[in-house]
Amino acid sequence: MKTFITVEAEADLETIGDFIAQDNPVRALSFVRELTQLCLDIADMPQAWPVVPRYEHHGVRRRVHGRYLIFYRIGADRITILHILNGAMDVEAILFPAG
């Protein structure tokens, strides 16, 4: 199965990297690489992580890495990474604006 990272998720990675780079540019680069690799690794076991509670009907799953949450959906032939967000954010408003 292949992994597709959406434009929104790419922008999330850039935002995360920019934020970390303010204090530690080297770690920013390595952390963004870690997150990217975790996204790609989801394809190996896509059902290993839970569906987002209360939004099961959307089929969105969540993989946790420290304070960050990788949100994705399993399709017929690919994994789609929707967003990569800090857990302190209002993730429900970003992922499910209409509820």
Protein backbone atom coordinates (compact mmCIF):
# COMPACT_ATOMS: atom_id res chain seq x y z
CA MET A 1 0.00 0.00 0.00
CA LYS A 2 1.26 3.48 -0.83
CA THR A 3 1.15 6.60 1.33
CA PHE A 4 -0.04 9.96 0.04
CA ILE A 5 0.74 13.05 2.11
CA THR A 6 -1.75 15.83 1.43
CA VAL A 7 -0.82 19.45 0.85
CA GLU A 8 -2.31 20.24 4.26
CA ALA A 9 -0.12 17.65 5.98
CA GLU A 10 2.95 18.95 4.12
CA ALA A 11 2.11 22.45 5.37
CA ASP A 12 1.74 21.06 8.89
CA LEU A 13 5.23 19.54 8.67
CA GLU A 14 6.65 22.85 7.49
CA THR A 15 4.95 24.71 10.35
CA ILE A 16 6.25 22.18 12.89
CA GLY A 17 9.76 22.45 11.46
CA ASP A 18 9.68 26.24 11.49
CA PHE A 19 8.51 26.30 15.10
CA ILE A 20 11.20 23.91 16.34
CA ALA A 21 13.87 25.65 14.23
CA GLN A 22 13.42 28.83 16.26
CA ASP A 23 15.28 27.09 19.10
CA ASN A 24 17.05 24.20 17.41
CA PRO A 25 17.39 24.10 13.61
CA VAL A 26 19.19 20.75 13.59
CA ARG A 27 16.49 19.07 15.67
CA ALA A 28 13.80 20.66 13.52
CA LEU A 29 15.14 18.88 10.47
CA SER A 30 15.54 15.53 12.20
CA PHE A 31 12.11 15.74 13.83
CA VAL A 32 10.35 16.50 10.56
CA ARG A 33 12.17 13.50 9.05
CA GLU A 34 10.97 11.34 11.96
CA LEU A 35 7.38 12.44 11.47
CA THR A 36 7.60 11.86 7.72
CA GLN A 37 8.99 8.36 8.24
CA LEU A 38 6.23 7.57 10.74
CA CYS A 39 3.70 8.64 8.11
CA LEU A 40 5.25 6.32 5.55
CA ASP A 41 5.44 3.46 8.06
CA ILE A 42 1.68 3.56 8.59
CA ALA A 43 1.31 1.70 5.29
CA ASP A 44 2.92 -1.37 6.87
CA MET A 45 0.13 -1.74 9.46
CA PRO A 46 -2.57 0.83 8.70
CA GLN A 47 -5.15 -0.58 11.11
CA ALA A 48 -2.75 -0.60 14.07
CA TRP A 49 -3.90 2.84 15.24
CA PRO A 50 -7.38 3.74 16.43
CA VAL A 51 -10.15 5.58 14.70
CA VAL A 52 -10.70 9.05 16.18
CA PRO A 53 -13.36 8.66 18.90
CA ARG A 54 -16.75 10.27 18.23
CA TYR A 55 -15.89 10.59 14.52
CA GLU A 56 -15.80 6.92 13.53
CA HIS A 57 -18.09 7.59 10.57
CA HIS A 58 -15.31 9.69 8.97
CA GLY A 59 -12.86 6.76 9.08
CA VAL A 60 -10.03 9.00 10.30
CA ARG A 61 -7.35 7.29 12.36
CA ARG A 62 -4.72 8.80 14.65
CA ARG A 63 -1.11 7.84 15.28
CA VAL A 64 0.58 9.55 18.23
CA HIS A 65 4.22 10.64 18.31
CA GLY A 66 5.04 12.60 21.43
CA ARG A 67 2.89 15.72 21.38
CA TYR A 68 2.05 15.31 17.72
CA LEU A 69 -0.84 13.45 16.12
CA ILE A 70 -0.77 12.03 12.62
CA PHE A 71 -4.28 11.83 11.18
CA TYR A 72 -4.90 9.54 8.23
CA ARG A 73 -7.52 7.62 6.32
CA ILE A 74 -7.23 4.14 4.83
CA GLY A 75 -8.33 3.92 1.21
CA ALA A 76 -8.65 1.00 -1.16
CA ASP A 77 -5.13 1.36 -2.52
CA ARG A 78 -3.42 4.00 -0.39
CA ILE A 79 -3.07 5.66 2.99
CA THR A 80 -3.87 9.37 2.93
CA ILE A 81 -2.15 11.51 5.56
CA LEU A 82 -4.61 14.31 6.28
CA HIS A 83 -2.89 16.40 8.94
CA ILE A 84 -0.04 16.33 11.43
CA LEU A 85 -0.97 18.47 14.41
CA ASN A 86 0.17 19.30 17.91
CA GLY A 87 -2.16 17.64 20.39
CA ALA A 88 -2.66 20.96 22.18
CA MET A 89 -4.45 22.35 19.11
CA ASP A 90 -8.19 22.14 18.58
CA VAL A 91 -7.76 19.19 16.26
CA GLU A 92 -11.48 18.47 16.02
CA ALA A 93 -12.16 21.94 14.62
CA ILE A 94 -9.42 21.47 12.01
CA LEU A 95 -10.33 17.92 10.99
CA PHE A 96 -14.09 18.06 11.33
CA PRO A 97 -15.19 21.69 10.93
CA ALA A 98 -18.77 20.68 10.17
CA GLY A 99 -18.89 18.06 12.92
